[in-house]
């Protein structure tokens, strides 16, 4: 699924569904694009667990939970990125970032 999220300041695209589980840091990695600039995003298993208490703690379980709320995670990523200074090409999403987006879309 191709997803683009824009506001007056920028357009952030998520052109593919690529994501991976980082065993070392216990997080999901995914990528978005601001024009030609690739931005790395990370969401910890703990942050996903906070919004999905039934999540299995395995890599597969974490990725499944990520996939279940992918669109909302992309929305949170776009909001956090838009508020950033754009000096970094890596963004960590917190449980609060995800919870706020989930509440505002309910």
Protein backbone atom coordinates (compact mmCIF):
# COMPACT_ATOMS: atom_id res chain seq x y z
CA UNK A 1 0.00 0.00 0.00
CA UNK A 2 1.34 3.39 -0.97
CA UNK A 3 0.76 6.09 1.63
CA UNK A 4 1.64 9.76 1.48
CA UNK A 5 1.07 12.12 4.35
CA UNK A 6 1.47 15.83 3.79
CA UNK A 7 1.05 19.11 5.51
CA UNK A 8 2.11 22.67 4.66
CA UNK A 9 5.72 22.04 5.66
CA UNK A 10 6.55 18.77 3.88
CA UNK A 11 5.37 15.62 2.18
CA UNK A 12 6.41 12.36 3.80
CA UNK A 13 5.91 9.24 1.71
CA UNK A 14 5.81 5.59 2.74
CA UNK A 15 5.97 4.04 -0.73
CA UNK A 16 6.35 0.43 0.34
CA UNK A 17 5.58 -1.86 3.24
CA UNK A 18 9.19 -2.69 4.08
CA UNK A 19 9.89 -3.07 7.76
CA UNK A 20 12.23 -5.23 9.79
CA UNK A 21 12.70 -6.31 13.36
CA UNK A 22 15.96 -5.25 15.03
CA UNK A 23 16.65 -8.03 17.55
CA UNK A 24 19.52 -6.15 19.16
CA UNK A 25 17.44 -3.08 20.02
CA UNK A 26 14.04 -4.84 20.20
CA UNK A 27 12.36 -2.49 17.74
CA UNK A 28 10.77 -2.30 14.32
CA UNK A 29 12.58 -0.30 11.65
CA UNK A 30 10.77 1.25 8.71
CA UNK A 31 11.46 3.98 6.20
CA UNK A 32 9.78 7.04 4.82
CA UNK A 33 10.87 9.57 2.23
CA UNK A 34 10.90 13.36 2.25
CA UNK A 35 11.46 14.00 -1.46
CA UNK A 36 14.63 12.01 -2.19
CA UNK A 37 15.78 11.87 1.43
CA UNK A 38 15.30 8.54 3.19
CA UNK A 39 14.25 8.85 6.82
CA UNK A 40 14.68 5.88 9.16
CA UNK A 41 11.96 5.41 11.76
CA UNK A 42 12.04 3.14 14.78
CA UNK A 43 9.28 2.00 17.10
CA UNK A 44 10.20 -0.10 20.10
CA UNK A 45 8.48 -3.34 21.01
CA UNK A 46 7.59 -1.67 24.32
CA UNK A 47 5.79 1.15 22.50
CA UNK A 48 3.84 -1.38 20.45
CA UNK A 49 3.06 -3.39 23.58
CA UNK A 50 1.61 -0.24 25.15
CA UNK A 51 -0.99 0.04 22.37
CA UNK A 52 -1.43 -3.72 21.89
CA UNK A 53 -1.26 -5.42 25.31
CA UNK A 54 -2.02 -8.80 23.69
CA UNK A 55 1.09 -8.61 21.49
CA UNK A 56 3.32 -11.68 21.48
CA UNK A 57 6.88 -10.85 22.48
CA UNK A 58 8.43 -12.67 19.52
CA UNK A 59 9.80 -10.91 16.44
CA UNK A 60 6.84 -12.22 14.47
CA UNK A 61 4.41 -10.99 17.13
CA UNK A 62 5.95 -7.52 17.17
CA UNK A 63 5.85 -7.28 13.37
CA UNK A 64 2.25 -8.50 13.36
CA UNK A 65 1.27 -5.77 15.84
CA UNK A 66 3.12 -3.18 13.76
CA UNK A 67 1.30 -4.30 10.62
CA UNK A 68 -2.07 -4.14 12.38
CA UNK A 69 -1.69 -0.41 13.07
CA UNK A 70 0.73 0.51 10.27
CA UNK A 71 -1.34 3.42 8.90
CA UNK A 72 -1.59 5.02 12.32
CA UNK A 73 2.12 4.48 12.92
CA UNK A 74 2.82 6.24 9.63
CA UNK A 75 0.57 9.12 10.74
CA UNK A 76 2.47 9.38 14.03
CA UNK A 77 5.78 9.24 12.15
CA UNK A 78 4.68 12.09 9.88
CA UNK A 79 3.60 14.24 12.83
CA UNK A 80 6.81 13.64 14.75
CA UNK A 81 8.92 14.24 11.65
CA UNK A 82 7.06 17.46 10.79
CA UNK A 83 7.76 18.76 14.29
CA UNK A 84 11.45 17.82 14.13
CA UNK A 85 14.31 20.09 13.13
CA UNK A 86 14.97 17.97 10.01
CA UNK A 87 18.63 17.76 11.00
CA UNK A 88 18.33 14.06 11.72
CA UNK A 89 17.44 11.30 9.34
CA UNK A 90 16.43 8.90 12.11
CA UNK A 91 13.30 9.25 14.24
CA UNK A 92 12.32 7.18 17.29
CA UNK A 93 8.60 6.93 17.96
CA UNK A 94 7.45 6.55 21.55
CA UNK A 95 4.38 4.94 23.06
CA UNK A 96 3.01 8.44 23.67
CA UNK A 97 3.39 9.30 19.97
CA UNK A 98 1.42 6.20 19.03
CA UNK A 99 -1.22 6.56 21.75
CA UNK A 100 -1.92 10.17 20.80
CA UNK A 101 -2.41 9.25 17.15
CA UNK A 102 -4.62 6.30 18.06
CA UNK A 103 -6.80 8.48 20.33
CA UNK A 104 -7.11 11.29 17.79
CA UNK A 105 -8.27 8.84 15.09
CA UNK A 106 -10.81 6.99 17.23
